[in-house]
Amino acid sequence: MVKKIMAFLLAAVMLASVLAGCGQGGNKPAEPGTGAPSSTAAGAGGTVNAIMGEEPQTLDPAMNQSVDGGTYILHVFEGLTKVDKDGKTVPGIAEKWDVSADGLKYTFHLRNAKWSDGKPVTAGDFEYAWKRALDPKTASLYAFQLYYLKNGEAYNSDKAKAEDVGVKAVDDKTLEVTLQNPTPYFLDLMHFPTYMPVRKDIIEQYKDQWTQKPETYIGNGAFKMKDWKHKEELVLEKNENYWDKDKIQLKEIHWKLTSDDSAALNAFESGEIDFVNQFIPQAEQPNLIKEGKEKIYPMVGTYYLYFNTARKPLNDVRVRKALALAIDRQYICEKVTQRGEKPAVGVVPYNVPGSEAGKDFRSETGTYLPTTPNVEEAKKLLAEAGYPDGKGFPELEIYYNTMSSHKAIMEAIQEQWKTNLGITVKPPNMEWKVLQGMLDQKNFTIARMGWIGDYNDPMTFLDMWTTTSGQNKTNWSNKNYDQLIETAKKTADPKARWKALDDAEKIFMDEVPACPIYYYVNQNLESPKLKGQITDMLGFIYMHYATIEK
C-alpha cells in the first residue's frame, strides 16, 4: 500500500535503520549489516518483531477505522468480552452478565481489573467511552457502530441527550446496557475497538494528544505502550497490571512501521522479523506459499473500488455499471493476487452466515457481478451514457495506498478498462494515512479500499452504506436502502430480516456506488519459532497467547 520509487527507497532506509536497533529484546543496539541476532533470543517470554503496516492513522478507540490500528488498540485495551485461543467470545473485563428475556437489556458485572497506571477499571469508564464516541463533537466516523444502544443514533444526530443513551454505570462494578433492538451478535461487538473503555481524566487533560506517548496512553489490556517512534516503530510491553497477566508470555512486541514489502520480506528471511501480516511482495507469494513460509487464513472482507457518486461522470449509474462489468475478477484472483481469493460477485463475502444453518449469505443470494468481463453490456452502457467506445471520457485517477499487490491490481484494472472500454485512468499511490484522509473528506473520484467485517453477519457489510454512516465515503444515498437496513435491525421476524438484507444488497448492486473486486484472505509470514498467535476472520492479529522460542 503506499508510494513507489521515492517512498520505496525512503522506507527501505527507514526499515533498515529501525531493524539495526532490534538486538536482544530491542535493548541492545546492533550495527547495521552485521546480521544482528533476532529478538527471539530475548529470554523467557521473549520479544516478537512484527510488521503489519505503516504509521497508523490513530490509536484512539473512538476514532480508529482500520484493521491495523484496531489490532494495536486490542493489545492495549480490553472490552467487556475478549477473544480466546480458539477465536471465541469469552468474558473479558466483564466477569459475567445477565440478559433480559426480550434481549434488550444487558447487565454486565465487572471483575477487579486495573488500568496500566494501577487505577481501577470502572463501569463509568465504559459509559464515558461509549458516549464520547457517540458525541457529535467527537466526530467519530465509527459512531454508527454504537447505534445498537438505545438512542445511540439519536444522540449522535443531536436529537437526544447523552443521558438518554442506553448505557449507565449503576456502580463501579455494574454496567447496565439497553439496546434499541435485540442484537444477536452484541456480545461479539463488546471486543470491537470502538467499545473499548477509556479514561476521562486522561483525555480531558491531554485532549487529542493522549495517544501519543506511553505516559498518557493508559490502557487496561494485556500490553501497554513502551515507545512510539513515529513512522518507525511502535513498541508494546507486557502490562503487569493486567488482570490476567499470568497468561501473557511475551515480554514485548516491536511493530515496525513500514509499507516496504520487499524490505519486510528481506528482514523476515534474515531472521530479524518474526511475523509479517499482508505486506508481502506480490511476485514472491506463489513461492512463499509453496515453501510453507506464507500462511493463508480465511477472512470475511471485500476489496473495492469506491466511486464518488457526486462527481462526473460517476454520478451516472450507467458509467459505474460499465466500469464494474468491464473488470476481469477471475484474472485478478488467479494471475495477479494468487493467494486463493474469490472473485467478488456481491457486497457480502462467502463465509458469512445466511438464513439457514450451514449455509452462507453469499451462496443463498446469488451473483450480481460476472467473474469475467461482460464487455458487450459494459460498452453498451458506456455508449448510452454518452461515451461510445470511450470517446470523450475524461481521464480519471484511481487512488491507492502503496503496496506491491495494490499496484499490480490497479495496473490490471487500468489495462482492462483501456482494452474493454477504450478509457484511460491513472493510478497514483500515496501513504495509507493520506488515502484515509482523502476518503474521509470525500476528495477523490475513484479510490481503492477494503472492508473487513466488524462481526460475522451480513449487516456489517450492508449498514455501512446508509446515508448517515460515517463509513459511506461515496456520497451515495438511497432512502429505500436506508429503510431496508432499518427494518433488518428492528424486526423480530427472522424471515423479514433476511429478506430486508437481501433486498438491500440488490439495491446496492443495482446502483454500484462501490465496485467489489474480490473477497479477502489473510496472509502472514510466520517464523517457525513463533507459536500461538491468532489471525481471526475479521483481520485482527492477537499476540496475547503467543510464545517465541529462544
Protein backbone atom coordinates (compact mmCIF):
# COMPACT_ATOMS: atom_id res chain seq x y z
CA MET A 1 0.00 0.00 0.00
CA VAL A 2 1.79 3.43 -0.47
CA LYS A 3 4.16 5.42 -2.72
CA LYS A 4 6.77 3.80 -5.02
CA ILE A 5 10.23 4.96 -6.17
CA MET A 6 10.91 7.72 -3.57
CA ALA A 7 8.77 6.07 -0.89
CA PHE A 8 10.28 2.69 -1.67
CA LEU A 9 13.79 3.98 -1.14
CA LEU A 10 12.90 6.00 1.94
CA ALA A 11 11.02 3.09 3.50
CA ALA A 12 13.88 0.71 2.80
CA VAL A 13 16.33 3.05 4.52
CA MET A 14 13.92 3.60 7.39
CA LEU A 15 13.27 -0.10 7.95
CA ALA A 16 16.97 -0.87 7.79
CA SER A 17 17.70 1.76 10.43
CA VAL A 18 14.89 0.53 12.66
CA LEU A 19 15.96 -3.09 12.39
CA ALA A 20 19.51 -2.14 13.23
CA GLY A 21 18.35 -1.37 16.74
CA CYS A 22 16.40 -4.58 17.37
CA GLY A 23 19.08 -6.54 19.22
CA GLN A 24 18.03 -8.68 22.16
CA GLY A 25 14.59 -7.56 23.23
CA GLY A 26 15.21 -4.24 21.50
CA ASN A 27 17.51 -3.12 24.32
CA LYS A 28 20.90 -3.68 22.74
CA PRO A 29 21.65 -1.77 19.51
CA ALA A 30 23.28 -3.75 16.74
CA GLU A 31 25.49 -2.41 14.00
CA PRO A 32 23.86 -2.26 10.56
CA GLY A 33 24.86 -5.06 8.24
CA THR A 34 26.31 -7.31 10.93
CA GLY A 35 23.46 -9.81 10.94
CA ALA A 36 22.15 -8.79 14.36
CA PRO A 37 20.56 -11.68 16.28
CA SER A 38 16.77 -11.93 16.24
CA SER A 39 14.90 -10.74 19.30
CA THR A 40 13.76 -14.32 19.73
CA ALA A 41 16.87 -14.64 21.90
CA ALA A 42 15.35 -12.31 24.47
CA GLY A 43 14.89 -14.98 27.13
CA ALA A 44 11.77 -16.19 28.90
CA GLY A 45 8.70 -14.80 27.23
CA GLY A 46 10.79 -13.15 24.57
CA THR A 47 10.13 -10.33 22.14
CA VAL A 48 8.40 -10.51 18.79
CA ASN A 49 9.39 -8.23 15.90
CA ALA A 50 6.43 -7.81 13.57
CA ILE A 51 5.21 -5.80 10.59
CA MET A 52 1.56 -5.05 9.88
CA GLY A 53 1.77 -1.77 8.01
CA GLU A 54 2.91 1.79 8.12
CA GLU A 55 2.06 4.55 10.58
CA PRO A 56 -1.49 4.05 11.92
CA GLN A 57 -3.89 6.93 11.36
CA THR A 58 -4.86 6.88 15.05
CA LEU A 59 -4.67 4.78 18.22
CA ASP A 60 -7.82 6.31 19.69
CA PRO A 61 -10.52 3.61 20.03
CA ALA A 62 -13.25 6.13 19.19
CA MET A 63 -11.51 7.40 16.05
CA ASN A 64 -9.90 4.27 14.58
CA GLN A 65 -11.22 2.95 11.25
CA SER A 66 -8.58 0.42 10.23
CA VAL A 67 -7.63 -3.17 11.00
CA ASP A 68 -4.00 -2.31 11.76
CA GLY A 69 -4.94 0.45 14.20
CA GLY A 70 -7.58 -1.84 15.69
CA THR A 71 -5.02 -4.58 16.29
CA TYR A 72 -2.75 -2.22 18.22
CA ILE A 73 -5.74 -0.98 20.24
CA LEU A 74 -6.86 -4.52 21.09
CA HIS A 75 -3.45 -5.23 22.61
CA VAL A 76 -3.55 -2.15 24.83
CA PHE A 77 -7.24 -2.24 25.75
CA GLU A 78 -9.75 -4.92 26.72
CA GLY A 79 -13.52 -4.77 26.40
CA LEU A 80 -16.31 -6.39 28.35
CA THR A 81 -15.59 -9.55 26.35
CA LYS A 82 -12.44 -10.75 24.60
CA VAL A 83 -11.29 -13.41 22.13
CA ASP A 84 -9.87 -16.70 23.44
CA LYS A 85 -7.28 -19.02 21.88
CA ASP A 86 -9.93 -20.54 19.64
CA GLY A 87 -11.19 -17.17 18.46
CA LYS A 88 -14.39 -17.43 20.52
CA THR A 89 -16.01 -14.65 22.54
CA VAL A 90 -15.39 -15.13 26.28
CA PRO A 91 -15.60 -12.90 29.39
CA GLY A 92 -13.10 -10.04 29.46
CA ILE A 93 -13.42 -7.15 31.90
CA ALA A 94 -16.98 -8.36 32.47
CA GLU A 95 -16.79 -11.44 34.68
CA LYS A 96 -20.40 -12.34 33.91
CA TRP A 97 -23.60 -10.79 32.58
CA ASP A 98 -27.37 -11.12 32.61
CA VAL A 99 -29.63 -10.68 29.59
CA SER A 100 -33.33 -9.84 29.80
CA ALA A 101 -35.90 -12.16 28.24
CA ASP A 102 -36.61 -9.69 25.42
CA GLY A 103 -32.89 -9.36 24.60
CA LEU A 104 -32.91 -5.60 25.13
CA LYS A 105 -31.14 -5.23 28.47
CA TYR A 106 -27.66 -6.48 29.37
CA THR A 107 -26.28 -6.15 32.88
CA PHE A 108 -22.51 -6.60 32.96
CA HIS A 109 -20.72 -7.38 36.22
CA LEU A 110 -17.09 -6.23 36.10
CA ARG A 111 -14.20 -8.13 37.62
CA ASN A 112 -11.45 -6.47 39.65
CA ALA A 113 -9.23 -5.05 36.92
CA LYS A 114 -6.73 -2.20 36.76
CA TRP A 115 -5.53 0.31 34.23
CA SER A 116 -1.86 0.23 33.30
CA ASP A 117 -1.19 3.02 35.82
CA GLY A 118 -2.74 0.95 38.63
CA LYS A 119 -6.10 2.72 38.93
CA PRO A 120 -9.23 0.51 38.99
CA VAL A 121 -11.27 -0.04 35.82
CA THR A 122 -14.86 1.01 36.49
CA ALA A 123 -18.20 0.76 34.73
CA GLY A 124 -18.04 4.53 34.38
CA ASP A 125 -15.02 4.16 32.10
CA PHE A 126 -17.17 2.21 29.65
CA GLU A 127 -20.10 4.62 29.90
CA TYR A 128 -17.78 7.57 29.26
CA ALA A 129 -16.04 5.87 26.32
CA TRP A 130 -19.23 4.89 24.52
CA LYS A 131 -20.90 8.28 24.98
CA ARG A 132 -17.69 10.00 23.91
CA ALA A 133 -17.65 8.03 20.65
CA LEU A 134 -21.31 8.92 20.06
CA ASP A 135 -20.90 12.58 20.95
CA PRO A 136 -21.33 14.63 17.74
CA LYS A 137 -18.43 16.83 18.88
CA THR A 138 -16.07 13.84 18.79
CA ALA A 139 -16.90 13.33 15.10
CA SER A 140 -16.16 9.62 15.21
CA LEU A 141 -16.70 8.02 11.80
CA TYR A 142 -17.32 4.75 13.64
CA ALA A 143 -20.07 6.15 15.86
CA PHE A 144 -22.62 4.18 13.84
CA GLN A 145 -21.25 1.01 15.42
CA LEU A 146 -22.83 2.14 18.70
CA TYR A 147 -26.26 2.77 17.20
CA TYR A 148 -27.28 -0.57 18.71
CA LEU A 149 -27.56 1.32 22.02
CA LYS A 150 -30.92 2.86 22.79
CA ASN A 151 -30.89 6.44 21.49
CA GLY A 152 -27.33 5.99 20.26
CA GLU A 153 -28.12 7.25 16.78
CA ALA A 154 -30.40 9.96 18.14
CA TYR A 155 -27.62 11.33 20.36
CA ASN A 156 -25.07 11.16 17.55
CA SER A 157 -27.54 13.10 15.37
CA ASP A 158 -28.18 15.80 18.00
CA LYS A 159 -31.72 14.53 18.54
CA ALA A 160 -31.20 13.25 22.09
CA LYS A 161 -29.03 13.97 25.11
CA ALA A 162 -26.13 11.94 26.46
CA GLU A 163 -28.21 10.83 29.44
CA ASP A 164 -30.75 9.31 27.04
CA VAL A 165 -28.24 6.80 25.65
CA GLY A 166 -28.76 3.21 26.81
CA VAL A 167 -25.59 2.78 28.84
CA LYS A 168 -25.37 3.51 32.57
CA ALA A 169 -22.85 2.77 35.30
CA VAL A 170 -25.08 1.58 38.17
CA ASP A 171 -21.98 1.46 40.36
CA ASP A 172 -18.25 0.93 39.82
CA LYS A 173 -18.71 -2.77 39.03
CA THR A 174 -22.12 -2.83 37.28
CA LEU A 175 -22.83 -1.59 33.76
CA GLU A 176 -26.40 -1.57 32.52
CA VAL A 177 -26.88 -1.51 28.75
CA THR A 178 -30.21 -1.06 26.96
CA LEU A 179 -30.41 -1.74 23.23
CA GLN A 180 -32.55 -0.10 20.60
CA ASN A 181 -33.44 -3.51 19.21
CA PRO A 182 -32.44 -7.11 20.01
CA THR A 183 -28.97 -7.75 18.58
CA PRO A 184 -27.90 -11.42 18.50
CA TYR A 185 -24.20 -10.59 17.96
CA PHE A 186 -24.00 -7.87 20.64
CA LEU A 187 -21.57 -9.80 22.88
CA ASP A 188 -19.22 -10.20 19.90
CA LEU A 189 -19.24 -6.43 19.48
CA MET A 190 -18.04 -5.99 23.05
CA HIS A 191 -14.48 -6.82 21.99
CA PHE A 192 -14.54 -4.46 18.99
CA PRO A 193 -12.16 -1.45 19.30
CA THR A 194 -14.89 1.22 19.36
CA TYR A 195 -16.36 -0.37 22.52
CA MET A 196 -13.09 -0.22 24.49
CA PRO A 197 -13.13 1.77 27.77
CA VAL A 198 -11.05 4.93 28.03
CA ARG A 199 -10.10 7.23 30.88
CA LYS A 200 -11.98 10.53 31.15
CA ASP A 201 -9.33 12.19 33.32
CA ILE A 202 -6.56 11.41 30.81
CA ILE A 203 -8.48 12.57 27.75
CA GLU A 204 -9.75 15.76 29.37
CA GLN A 205 -6.21 16.68 30.40
CA TYR A 206 -4.31 15.77 27.23
CA LYS A 207 -7.07 16.20 24.61
CA ASP A 208 -6.19 14.73 21.18
CA GLN A 209 -2.56 14.17 22.25
CA TRP A 210 -3.43 11.49 24.80
CA THR A 211 -2.50 8.61 22.47
CA GLN A 212 0.93 9.95 21.55
CA LYS A 213 3.20 8.79 24.37
CA PRO A 214 3.43 5.99 26.96
CA GLU A 215 2.83 8.29 29.91
CA THR A 216 -0.63 9.25 28.67
CA TYR A 217 -1.70 6.26 26.56
CA ILE A 218 -3.20 4.42 29.51
CA GLY A 219 -4.87 1.11 28.72
CA ASN A 220 -6.40 -1.83 30.55
CA GLY A 221 -5.28 -4.63 28.23
CA ALA A 222 -2.58 -7.26 28.11
CA PHE A 223 0.08 -4.84 26.82
CA LYS A 224 0.94 -1.17 27.21
CA MET A 225 2.83 1.31 25.09
CA LYS A 226 6.55 1.44 25.84
CA ASP A 227 7.67 3.64 22.95
CA TRP A 228 6.39 5.11 19.69
CA LYS A 229 8.93 6.36 17.20
CA HIS A 230 6.58 7.75 14.60
CA LYS A 231 6.85 6.19 11.14
CA GLU A 232 9.47 3.78 12.50
CA GLU A 233 8.35 1.59 15.38
CA LEU A 234 5.58 1.10 17.95
CA VAL A 235 6.75 -0.91 20.97
CA LEU A 236 4.28 -2.62 23.29
CA GLU A 237 5.33 -4.34 26.51
CA LYS A 238 3.52 -6.70 28.87
CA ASN A 239 1.19 -4.85 31.23
CA GLU A 240 1.96 -6.07 34.75
CA ASN A 241 -1.32 -4.56 35.96
CA TYR A 242 -3.40 -6.66 33.56
CA TRP A 243 -5.84 -8.86 35.49
CA ASP A 244 -4.88 -11.99 33.51
CA LYS A 245 -1.16 -11.21 33.22
CA ASP A 246 -0.04 -14.73 34.15
CA LYS A 247 -1.29 -16.00 30.79
CA ILE A 248 0.70 -13.43 28.81
CA GLN A 249 4.05 -14.92 27.84
CA LEU A 250 5.60 -12.26 25.59
CA LYS A 251 7.75 -9.55 27.09
CA GLU A 252 7.46 -7.10 24.22
CA ILE A 253 6.10 -6.68 20.69
CA HIS A 254 8.04 -4.40 18.35
CA TRP A 255 5.72 -3.37 15.50
CA LYS A 256 7.90 -1.99 12.70
CA LEU A 257 6.03 0.72 10.77
CA THR A 258 6.67 0.41 7.04
CA SER A 259 4.91 -0.15 3.74
CA ASP A 260 8.01 -1.53 2.01
CA ASP A 261 7.05 -5.15 1.48
CA SER A 262 10.38 -6.07 -0.16
CA ALA A 263 12.35 -4.81 2.84
CA ALA A 264 9.87 -6.62 5.11
CA LEU A 265 10.48 -9.91 3.29
CA ASN A 266 14.25 -9.47 3.40
CA ALA A 267 14.08 -8.81 7.14
CA PHE A 268 11.91 -11.90 7.64
CA GLU A 269 14.26 -14.09 5.59
CA SER A 270 17.24 -12.86 7.62
CA GLY A 271 15.50 -13.63 10.91
CA GLU A 272 15.25 -10.01 12.02
CA ILE A 273 11.46 -10.06 11.68
CA ASP A 274 9.33 -12.88 13.11
CA PHE A 275 5.93 -12.01 11.68
CA VAL A 276 4.58 -10.09 8.68
CA ASN A 277 0.88 -9.54 8.04
CA GLN A 278 -0.27 -8.61 4.50
CA PHE A 279 2.87 -6.70 3.46
CA ILE A 280 4.36 -9.42 1.26
CA PRO A 281 5.78 -8.78 -2.24
CA GLN A 282 3.25 -9.82 -4.84
CA ALA A 283 5.71 -11.57 -7.15
CA GLU A 284 7.17 -13.67 -4.33
CA GLN A 285 3.92 -15.01 -2.93
CA PRO A 286 3.46 -18.19 -5.02
CA ASN A 287 6.89 -19.47 -3.97
CA LEU A 288 6.47 -18.37 -0.36
CA ILE A 289 3.16 -20.25 -0.17
CA LYS A 290 4.70 -23.31 -1.82
CA GLU A 291 7.61 -23.26 0.62
CA GLY A 292 5.24 -23.01 3.57
CA LYS A 293 6.61 -19.64 4.70
CA GLU A 294 3.43 -17.79 3.87
CA LYS A 295 0.30 -18.91 5.71
CA ILE A 296 -3.17 -18.21 4.32
CA TYR A 297 -6.13 -17.71 6.67
CA PRO A 298 -9.85 -17.31 5.94
CA MET A 299 -11.20 -13.79 6.19
CA VAL A 300 -14.56 -12.07 5.81
CA GLY A 301 -13.79 -8.98 3.78
CA THR A 302 -14.36 -7.36 0.39
CA TYR A 303 -11.84 -5.45 -1.74
CA TYR A 304 -13.45 -2.48 -3.52
CA LEU A 305 -13.10 0.45 -5.81
CA TYR A 306 -15.06 3.31 -4.24
CA PHE A 307 -16.82 5.63 -6.69
CA ASN A 308 -17.52 9.23 -5.71
CA THR A 309 -21.11 9.39 -6.98
CA ALA A 310 -21.21 13.18 -6.63
CA ARG A 311 -18.57 13.67 -9.32
CA LYS A 312 -18.98 13.44 -13.07
CA PRO A 313 -19.05 11.06 -14.84
CA LEU A 314 -19.51 8.72 -11.85
CA ASN A 315 -22.77 10.41 -10.93
CA ASP A 316 -24.23 8.39 -13.83
CA VAL A 317 -25.11 4.86 -12.73
CA ARG A 318 -24.55 3.60 -16.28
CA VAL A 319 -20.90 4.64 -16.08
CA ARG A 320 -20.46 2.92 -12.71
CA LYS A 321 -22.05 -0.27 -14.02
CA ALA A 322 -19.93 -0.20 -17.18
CA LEU A 323 -16.75 0.11 -15.14
CA ALA A 324 -17.84 -2.74 -12.84
CA LEU A 325 -18.77 -5.06 -15.71
CA ALA A 326 -15.51 -4.48 -17.60
CA ILE A 327 -13.27 -5.88 -14.84
CA ASP A 328 -11.87 -9.41 -15.10
CA ARG A 329 -12.09 -10.52 -11.47
CA GLN A 330 -11.11 -14.08 -12.25
CA TYR A 331 -7.87 -12.91 -13.85
CA ILE A 332 -7.05 -10.67 -10.90
CA CYS A 333 -7.51 -13.53 -8.43
CA GLU A 334 -5.74 -16.22 -10.48
CA LYS A 335 -2.94 -14.24 -12.13
CA VAL A 336 -2.38 -11.13 -10.03
CA THR A 337 -3.05 -11.78 -6.34
CA GLN A 338 -2.60 -15.60 -6.49
CA ARG A 339 -3.49 -16.19 -2.84
CA GLY A 340 -6.73 -18.09 -3.19
CA GLU A 341 -9.09 -15.09 -3.16
CA LYS A 342 -12.50 -15.49 -4.78
CA PRO A 343 -13.92 -13.01 -7.31
CA ALA A 344 -16.43 -10.69 -5.66
CA VAL A 345 -19.91 -11.16 -7.13
CA GLY A 346 -21.73 -9.07 -4.50
CA VAL A 347 -21.12 -6.96 -1.40
CA VAL A 348 -21.23 -9.70 1.25
CA PRO A 349 -18.39 -12.26 1.01
CA TYR A 350 -18.53 -16.00 1.46
CA ASN A 351 -18.22 -17.48 4.98
CA VAL A 352 -20.80 -15.04 6.37
CA PRO A 353 -23.77 -16.95 7.85
CA GLY A 354 -27.05 -16.96 5.95
CA SER A 355 -30.65 -17.58 6.94
CA GLU A 356 -30.25 -21.36 7.24
CA ALA A 357 -27.80 -23.25 9.42
CA GLY A 358 -24.78 -24.42 7.48
CA LYS A 359 -25.32 -22.01 4.58
CA ASP A 360 -23.75 -18.65 3.89
CA PHE A 361 -25.44 -15.45 2.75
CA ARG A 362 -23.48 -15.21 -0.49
CA SER A 363 -24.48 -18.69 -1.65
CA GLU A 364 -28.12 -18.05 -0.76
CA THR A 365 -28.44 -14.69 -2.50
CA GLY A 366 -26.53 -15.48 -5.69
CA THR A 367 -24.46 -13.45 -8.14
CA TYR A 368 -24.67 -9.80 -9.15
CA LEU A 369 -21.36 -9.32 -10.97
CA PRO A 370 -19.62 -11.56 -13.52
CA THR A 371 -16.31 -13.15 -12.64
CA THR A 372 -15.10 -12.43 -16.20
CA PRO A 373 -15.88 -9.22 -18.12
CA ASN A 374 -19.24 -8.66 -19.82
CA VAL A 375 -17.69 -6.35 -22.39
CA GLU A 376 -20.74 -6.13 -24.65
CA GLU A 377 -23.04 -4.89 -21.87
CA ALA A 378 -20.34 -2.61 -20.45
CA LYS A 379 -19.75 -0.91 -23.83
CA LYS A 380 -23.49 -0.55 -24.36
CA LEU A 381 -23.95 1.19 -21.01
CA LEU A 382 -20.97 3.49 -21.60
CA ALA A 383 -22.35 4.45 -25.02
CA GLU A 384 -25.77 5.18 -23.50
CA ALA A 385 -24.04 7.46 -21.02
CA GLY A 386 -22.54 9.43 -23.94
CA TYR A 387 -19.12 7.80 -24.28
CA PRO A 388 -19.21 5.38 -27.24
CA ASP A 389 -16.03 3.31 -27.30
CA GLY A 390 -14.74 5.59 -24.55
CA LYS A 391 -14.74 8.71 -26.73
CA GLY A 392 -14.95 11.89 -24.69
CA PHE A 393 -14.48 10.05 -21.41
CA PRO A 394 -12.31 12.11 -19.04
CA GLU A 395 -9.04 10.73 -17.76
CA LEU A 396 -9.70 9.66 -14.16
CA GLU A 397 -7.44 8.72 -11.27
CA ILE A 398 -7.68 5.60 -9.10
CA TYR A 399 -6.01 6.39 -5.81
CA TYR A 400 -4.48 3.61 -3.75
CA ASN A 401 -2.15 3.20 -0.78
CA THR A 402 1.31 1.99 -1.67
CA MET A 403 1.84 -1.76 -1.66
CA SER A 404 3.01 -4.00 -4.47
CA SER A 405 -0.21 -6.02 -4.55
CA HIS A 406 -2.38 -2.89 -4.80
CA LYS A 407 -0.12 -1.56 -7.54
CA ALA A 408 -0.45 -4.79 -9.53
CA ILE A 409 -4.25 -4.81 -9.13
CA MET A 410 -4.64 -1.17 -10.14
CA GLU A 411 -2.46 -1.68 -13.20
CA ALA A 412 -4.51 -4.73 -14.21
CA ILE A 413 -7.76 -2.77 -13.92
CA GLN A 414 -6.19 0.15 -15.78
CA GLU A 415 -5.33 -2.18 -18.67
CA GLN A 416 -8.74 -3.92 -18.62
CA TRP A 417 -10.63 -0.64 -18.81
CA LYS A 418 -8.37 0.52 -21.64
CA THR A 419 -8.85 -2.70 -23.60
CA ASN A 420 -12.53 -3.29 -22.90
CA LEU A 421 -13.89 0.27 -22.80
CA GLY A 422 -11.30 2.45 -24.51
CA ILE A 423 -10.85 4.71 -21.47
CA THR A 424 -7.69 5.86 -19.75
CA VAL A 425 -7.14 6.10 -16.00
CA LYS A 426 -4.09 6.88 -13.88
CA PRO A 427 -3.35 5.02 -10.62
CA PRO A 428 -1.44 7.39 -8.27
CA ASN A 429 -0.34 5.95 -4.93
CA MET A 430 0.09 7.53 -1.51
CA GLU A 431 0.56 6.82 2.18
CA TRP A 432 -2.20 4.93 3.97
CA LYS A 433 -2.99 7.86 6.28
CA VAL A 434 -3.23 10.23 3.31
CA LEU A 435 -5.63 7.93 1.46
CA GLN A 436 -7.82 7.54 4.55
CA GLY A 437 -7.94 11.31 4.96
CA MET A 438 -8.83 11.79 1.31
CA LEU A 439 -11.71 9.35 1.65
CA ASP A 440 -12.90 10.89 4.91
CA GLN A 441 -13.11 14.26 3.12
CA LYS A 442 -14.64 12.60 0.03
CA ASN A 443 -11.95 14.32 -2.00
CA PHE A 444 -11.49 11.66 -4.71
CA THR A 445 -13.08 10.28 -7.86
CA ILE A 446 -12.15 6.58 -7.64
CA ALA A 447 -10.20 5.03 -4.78
CA ARG A 448 -9.10 1.59 -3.70
CA MET A 449 -10.44 0.49 -0.31
CA GLY A 450 -11.48 -2.65 1.51
CA TRP A 451 -13.92 -3.55 4.22
CA ILE A 452 -13.30 -6.28 6.78
CA GLY A 453 -16.30 -7.34 8.84
CA ASP A 454 -16.62 -5.96 12.36
CA TYR A 455 -18.52 -9.13 13.27
CA ASN A 456 -19.62 -12.13 11.24
CA ASP A 457 -23.08 -11.14 9.98
CA PRO A 458 -24.25 -9.64 6.66
CA MET A 459 -25.23 -6.45 8.46
CA THR A 460 -21.61 -5.37 8.92
CA PHE A 461 -21.21 -5.25 5.12
CA LEU A 462 -24.52 -3.50 4.46
CA ASP A 463 -25.29 -0.93 7.15
CA MET A 464 -22.08 0.99 6.35
CA TRP A 465 -23.69 2.26 3.11
CA THR A 466 -26.62 4.04 4.72
CA THR A 467 -26.89 7.79 4.23
CA THR A 468 -25.83 8.65 7.78
CA SER A 469 -22.99 6.14 8.13
CA GLY A 470 -19.55 7.67 8.65
CA GLN A 471 -18.10 4.79 6.63
CA ASN A 472 -20.07 5.67 3.49
CA LYS A 473 -17.43 7.68 1.64
CA THR A 474 -19.16 7.55 -1.77
CA ASN A 475 -21.78 10.33 -1.40
CA TRP A 476 -24.37 7.72 -2.35
CA SER A 477 -27.78 7.91 -0.69
CA ASN A 478 -30.89 5.79 -1.22
CA LYS A 479 -33.95 6.15 1.03
CA ASN A 480 -35.26 2.67 0.21
CA TYR A 481 -31.90 1.19 1.09
CA ASP A 482 -31.84 3.06 4.40
CA GLN A 483 -35.33 1.82 5.23
CA LEU A 484 -34.46 -1.80 4.49
CA ILE A 485 -31.43 -1.64 6.80
CA GLU A 486 -33.61 -0.08 9.48
CA THR A 487 -36.17 -2.86 9.02
CA ALA A 488 -33.48 -5.55 9.25
CA LYS A 489 -32.28 -4.05 12.53
CA LYS A 490 -35.69 -3.60 14.10
CA THR A 491 -37.70 -6.64 13.08
CA ALA A 492 -38.03 -9.63 15.38
CA ASP A 493 -39.09 -11.81 12.45
CA PRO A 494 -36.06 -13.73 11.09
CA LYS A 495 -37.61 -14.14 7.63
CA ALA A 496 -38.32 -10.42 7.38
CA ARG A 497 -34.76 -9.65 8.48
CA TRP A 498 -33.13 -11.84 5.86
CA LYS A 499 -35.43 -10.54 3.11
CA ALA A 500 -34.60 -6.94 4.03
CA LEU A 501 -30.86 -7.67 3.93
CA ASP A 502 -31.21 -9.45 0.59
CA ASP A 503 -33.26 -6.62 -0.92
CA ALA A 504 -30.80 -4.03 0.37
CA GLU A 505 -27.88 -5.75 -1.33
CA LYS A 506 -29.89 -5.86 -4.59
CA ILE A 507 -30.36 -2.09 -4.47
CA PHE A 508 -26.67 -1.52 -3.77
CA MET A 509 -25.53 -3.77 -6.60
CA ASP A 510 -28.02 -2.19 -8.99
CA GLU A 511 -26.59 1.27 -8.33
CA VAL A 512 -22.95 0.23 -7.68
CA PRO A 513 -21.65 3.15 -5.58
CA ALA A 514 -18.67 0.90 -4.85
CA CYS A 515 -17.35 -1.87 -7.06
CA PRO A 516 -16.46 -5.19 -5.38
CA ILE A 517 -13.34 -6.80 -6.86
CA TYR A 518 -12.56 -9.87 -4.73
CA TYR A 519 -13.05 -11.38 -1.29
CA TYR A 520 -10.05 -11.18 1.00
CA VAL A 521 -7.92 -13.84 2.55
CA ASN A 522 -5.40 -13.03 5.28
CA GLN A 523 -1.75 -13.84 4.67
CA ASN A 524 1.16 -13.92 7.07
CA LEU A 525 4.84 -14.69 7.06
CA GLU A 526 5.41 -16.57 10.32
CA SER A 527 8.67 -17.68 11.88
CA PRO A 528 8.54 -21.33 13.00
CA LYS A 529 9.76 -20.02 16.37
CA LEU A 530 6.53 -18.06 16.83
CA LYS A 531 3.63 -20.06 18.25
CA GLY A 532 0.12 -19.23 19.37
CA GLN A 533 -0.60 -16.00 17.50
CA ILE A 534 -4.19 -15.67 16.30
CA THR A 535 -5.28 -14.28 12.94
CA ASP A 536 -9.05 -14.07 13.09
CA MET A 537 -11.59 -13.88 10.28
CA LEU A 538 -12.10 -10.17 10.95
CA GLY A 539 -8.45 -9.46 10.17
CA PHE A 540 -7.25 -8.70 13.70
CA ILE A 541 -3.95 -10.13 14.93
CA TYR A 542 -3.71 -11.28 18.56
CA MET A 543 -0.32 -11.87 20.18
CA HIS A 544 -1.95 -12.39 23.60
CA TYR A 545 -1.38 -16.15 23.57
CA ALA A 546 1.86 -16.15 21.59
CA THR A 547 5.23 -17.53 22.61
CA ILE A 548 8.54 -17.39 20.80
CA GLU A 549 11.49 -19.74 21.14
CA LYS A 550 14.90 -18.52 22.26
